[in-house]
Amino acid sequence: MARQNVSSGGPWEARVGYARAVRIGEHVWVAGTTAMTPDGLVGPGDAYLQARQALRTIAEALERAGARLEDVVRTRMFVTDIENWEAVARAHAEAFGSVRPAATMVEVARLMTPEMLVEIEVEAFVDR
């Protein structure tokens, strides 16, 4: 099966040596994604806005890989303060409420920069 790497053009991809998403056959994996955009971090201090932006970036990566949010079967959410769980869960529910993928949320000590509050990764299965 052919491997398709999808880049978002972010500076960390080349520096760290990863792709935003990888598709092999019917499977798509999207790397841990934050609210960082080419214009900077979306939603400083706001876990909901950061989660929403991360999910937008994930949706774009999925689309470039020939998938959609409806194809997601697994999500992992990493938060720097578990007290933000409801805000992150709200953004997750808005994106996946009817899909209901298997999901995990864990608190981590920190992300790449102190301003980042949320990182999300997903796995998708495209059966069409």
C-alpha atoms as a PDB file:
ATOM      1  CA  MET A   1       0.000   0.000   0.000  1.00  0.00           C
ATOM      2  CA  ALA A   2       1.153   3.470  -0.806  1.00  0.00           C
ATOM      3  CA  ARG A   3       1.939   5.872   2.005  1.00  0.00           C
ATOM      4  CA  GLN A   4       0.652   9.444   1.782  1.00  0.00           C
ATOM      5  CA  ASN A   5       2.231  12.080   4.034  1.00  0.00           C
ATOM      6  CA  VAL A   6       0.248  15.263   4.556  1.00  0.00           C
ATOM      7  CA  SER A   7       1.983  18.460   5.638  1.00  0.00           C
ATOM      8  CA  SER A   8       0.354  21.506   7.154  1.00  0.00           C
ATOM      9  CA  GLY A   9       3.454  23.574   6.350  1.00  0.00           C
ATOM     10  CA  GLY A  10       4.169  24.228  10.004  1.00  0.00           C
ATOM     11  CA  PRO A  11       7.773  24.913  10.992  1.00  0.00           C
ATOM     12  CA  TRP A  12       7.946  22.032  13.471  1.00  0.00           C
ATOM     13  CA  GLU A  13       7.279  19.325  10.867  1.00  0.00           C
ATOM     14  CA  ALA A  14      10.655  19.572   9.140  1.00  0.00           C
ATOM     15  CA  ARG A  15      12.497  20.431  12.333  1.00  0.00           C
ATOM     16  CA  VAL A  16      11.164  17.433  14.248  1.00  0.00           C
ATOM     17  CA  GLY A  17      10.800  15.144  11.227  1.00  0.00           C
ATOM     18  CA  TYR A  18       7.099  14.303  11.161  1.00  0.00           C
ATOM     19  CA  ALA A  19       4.016  14.693   8.977  1.00  0.00           C
ATOM     20  CA  ARG A  20       0.786  16.330  10.149  1.00  0.00           C
ATOM     21  CA  ALA A  21      -1.018  13.220   8.910  1.00  0.00           C
ATOM     22  CA  VAL A  22      -0.137   9.873   7.390  1.00  0.00           C
ATOM     23  CA  ARG A  23      -2.495   7.729   5.350  1.00  0.00           C
ATOM     24  CA  ILE A  24      -1.867   4.113   4.493  1.00  0.00           C
ATOM     25  CA  GLY A  25      -4.790   2.363   2.841  1.00  0.00           C
ATOM     26  CA  GLU A  26      -7.964   3.064   4.768  1.00  0.00           C
ATOM     27  CA  HIS A  27      -6.159   4.308   7.894  1.00  0.00           C
ATOM     28  CA  VAL A  28      -5.231   7.921   8.689  1.00  0.00           C
ATOM     29  CA  TRP A  29      -3.252   9.074  11.709  1.00  0.00           C
ATOM     30  CA  VAL A  30      -3.087  12.775  12.563  1.00  0.00           C
ATOM     31  CA  ALA A  31      -0.193  13.907  14.742  1.00  0.00           C
ATOM     32  CA  GLY A  32      -0.652  15.786  17.968  1.00  0.00           C
ATOM     33  CA  THR A  33      -2.094  19.147  16.950  1.00  0.00           C
ATOM     34  CA  THR A  34      -2.230  22.400  18.906  1.00  0.00           C
ATOM     35  CA  ALA A  35      -3.858  25.764  18.211  1.00  0.00           C
ATOM     36  CA  MET A  36      -0.690  27.110  16.580  1.00  0.00           C
ATOM     37  CA  THR A  37      -1.294  28.607  13.137  1.00  0.00           C
ATOM     38  CA  PRO A  38       0.978  30.514  10.730  1.00  0.00           C
ATOM     39  CA  ASP A  39      -0.353  33.689  12.394  1.00  0.00           C
ATOM     40  CA  GLY A  40       0.478  32.461  15.903  1.00  0.00           C
ATOM     41  CA  LEU A  41      -1.372  30.738  18.723  1.00  0.00           C
ATOM     42  CA  VAL A  42      -5.171  30.964  18.610  1.00  0.00           C
ATOM     43  CA  GLY A  43      -6.888  31.535  21.953  1.00  0.00           C
ATOM     44  CA  PRO A  44      -4.092  32.294  24.413  1.00  0.00           C
ATOM     45  CA  GLY A  45      -5.361  31.405  27.877  1.00  0.00           C
ATOM     46  CA  ASP A  46      -8.567  29.794  26.528  1.00  0.00           C
ATOM     47  CA  ALA A  47      -8.610  25.982  26.377  1.00  0.00           C
ATOM     48  CA  TYR A  48     -11.915  25.901  24.468  1.00  0.00           C
ATOM     49  CA  LEU A  49     -10.669  28.171  21.674  1.00  0.00           C
ATOM     50  CA  GLN A  50      -7.407  26.269  21.493  1.00  0.00           C
ATOM     51  CA  ALA A  51      -9.182  22.906  21.265  1.00  0.00           C
ATOM     52  CA  ARG A  52     -11.528  24.252  18.599  1.00  0.00           C
ATOM     53  CA  GLN A  53      -8.586  25.507  16.509  1.00  0.00           C
ATOM     54  CA  ALA A  54      -6.691  22.231  16.934  1.00  0.00           C
ATOM     55  CA  LEU A  55      -9.755  20.371  15.688  1.00  0.00           C
ATOM     56  CA  ARG A  56     -10.033  22.721  12.688  1.00  0.00           C
ATOM     57  CA  THR A  57      -6.414  21.999  11.788  1.00  0.00           C
ATOM     58  CA  ILE A  58      -7.081  18.281  12.229  1.00  0.00           C
ATOM     59  CA  ALA A  59     -10.149  18.490   9.965  1.00  0.00           C
ATOM     60  CA  GLU A  60      -8.048  20.182   7.275  1.00  0.00           C
ATOM     61  CA  ALA A  61      -5.353  17.489   7.529  1.00  0.00           C
ATOM     62  CA  LEU A  62      -7.961  14.747   7.329  1.00  0.00           C
ATOM     63  CA  GLU A  63      -9.473  16.357   4.248  1.00  0.00           C
ATOM     64  CA  ARG A  64      -6.082  16.509   2.517  1.00  0.00           C
ATOM     65  CA  ALA A  65      -5.697  12.809   3.324  1.00  0.00           C
ATOM     66  CA  GLY A  66      -9.109  11.990   1.835  1.00  0.00           C
ATOM     67  CA  ALA A  67     -10.914  11.608   5.163  1.00  0.00           C
ATOM     68  CA  ARG A  68     -13.285  13.635   7.336  1.00  0.00           C
ATOM     69  CA  LEU A  69     -14.143  14.107  10.973  1.00  0.00           C
ATOM     70  CA  GLU A  70     -16.917  11.515  10.550  1.00  0.00           C
ATOM     71  CA  ASP A  71     -14.200   8.904   9.846  1.00  0.00           C
ATOM     72  CA  VAL A  72     -12.414   9.438  13.168  1.00  0.00           C
ATOM     73  CA  VAL A  73     -12.436   6.366  15.403  1.00  0.00           C
ATOM     74  CA  ARG A  74     -10.009   7.501  18.149  1.00  0.00           C
ATOM     75  CA  THR A  75      -9.023  10.795  19.761  1.00  0.00           C
ATOM     76  CA  ARG A  76      -6.439  11.632  22.391  1.00  0.00           C
ATOM     77  CA  MET A  77      -6.562  14.960  24.184  1.00  0.00           C
ATOM     78  CA  PHE A  78      -3.630  16.241  26.200  1.00  0.00           C
ATOM     79  CA  VAL A  79      -4.315  19.172  28.533  1.00  0.00           C
ATOM     80  CA  THR A  80      -1.897  21.042  30.763  1.00  0.00           C
ATOM     81  CA  ASP A  81      -4.592  21.580  33.408  1.00  0.00           C
ATOM     82  CA  ILE A  82      -7.289  18.941  33.873  1.00  0.00           C
ATOM     83  CA  GLU A  83      -9.519  21.686  35.310  1.00  0.00           C
ATOM     84  CA  ASN A  84     -10.000  22.694  31.648  1.00  0.00           C
ATOM     85  CA  TRP A  85     -11.569  19.352  30.827  1.00  0.00           C
ATOM     86  CA  GLU A  86     -15.075  20.736  30.333  1.00  0.00           C
ATOM     87  CA  ALA A  87     -13.934  23.425  27.887  1.00  0.00           C
ATOM     88  CA  VAL A  88     -11.939  20.905  25.854  1.00  0.00           C
ATOM     89  CA  ALA A  89     -14.759  18.363  26.026  1.00  0.00           C
ATOM     90  CA  ARG A  90     -17.217  20.966  24.716  1.00  0.00           C
ATOM     91  CA  ALA A  91     -15.077  21.591  21.626  1.00  0.00           C
ATOM     92  CA  HIS A  92     -14.640  17.825  21.168  1.00  0.00           C
ATOM     93  CA  ALA A  93     -18.394  17.244  21.427  1.00  0.00           C
ATOM     94  CA  GLU A  94     -19.075  19.985  18.878  1.00  0.00           C
ATOM     95  CA  ALA A  95     -16.753  18.245  16.407  1.00  0.00           C
ATOM     96  CA  PHE A  96     -17.579  14.614  17.201  1.00  0.00           C
ATOM     97  CA  GLY A  97     -20.926  14.563  19.021  1.00  0.00           C
ATOM     98  CA  SER A  98     -22.649  12.321  16.483  1.00  0.00           C
ATOM     99  CA  VAL A  99     -19.483  10.367  15.599  1.00  0.00           C
ATOM    100  CA  ARG A 100     -18.538   9.474  19.173  1.00  0.00           C
ATOM    101  CA  PRO A 101     -15.019   8.109  18.652  1.00  0.00           C
ATOM    102  CA  ALA A 102     -13.176   6.318  21.421  1.00  0.00           C
ATOM    103  CA  ALA A 103     -11.557   9.155  23.365  1.00  0.00           C
ATOM    104  CA  THR A 104      -8.945   9.757  26.025  1.00  0.00           C
ATOM    105  CA  MET A 105      -8.083  12.955  27.885  1.00  0.00           C
ATOM    106  CA  VAL A 106      -5.041  13.171  30.122  1.00  0.00           C
ATOM    107  CA  GLU A 107      -3.256  15.929  31.968  1.00  0.00           C
ATOM    108  CA  VAL A 108       0.374  16.469  30.997  1.00  0.00           C
ATOM    109  CA  ALA A 109       3.044  18.580  32.680  1.00  0.00           C
ATOM    110  CA  ARG A 110       3.464  20.857  29.664  1.00  0.00           C
ATOM    111  CA  LEU A 111       3.366  21.137  25.904  1.00  0.00           C
ATOM    112  CA  MET A 112       5.860  22.682  23.463  1.00  0.00           C
ATOM    113  CA  THR A 113       5.371  26.203  24.820  1.00  0.00           C
ATOM    114  CA  PRO A 114       3.740  27.339  28.084  1.00  0.00           C
ATOM    115  CA  GLU A 115       0.944  29.142  26.186  1.00  0.00           C
ATOM    116  CA  MET A 116      -0.274  25.883  24.648  1.00  0.00           C
ATOM    117  CA  LEU A 117      -3.022  24.387  26.799  1.00  0.00           C
ATOM    118  CA  VAL A 118      -4.301  21.570  24.558  1.00  0.00           C
ATOM    119  CA  GLU A 119      -2.927  19.081  22.049  1.00  0.00           C
ATOM    120  CA  ILE A 120      -5.149  16.603  20.206  1.00  0.00           C
ATOM    121  CA  GLU A 121      -4.354  13.647  17.973  1.00  0.00           C
ATOM    122  CA  VAL A 122      -6.770  11.430  16.043  1.00  0.00           C
ATOM    123  CA  GLU A 123      -6.973   8.198  14.111  1.00  0.00           C
ATOM    124  CA  ALA A 124      -9.437   7.678  11.291  1.00  0.00           C
ATOM    125  CA  PHE A 125     -10.671   4.741   9.232  1.00  0.00           C
ATOM    126  CA  VAL A 126     -11.961   5.538   5.741  1.00  0.00           C
ATOM    127  CA  ASP A 127     -14.364   2.835   4.570  1.00  0.00           C
ATOM    128  CA  ARG A 128     -15.731   4.112   1.276  1.00  0.00           C
END
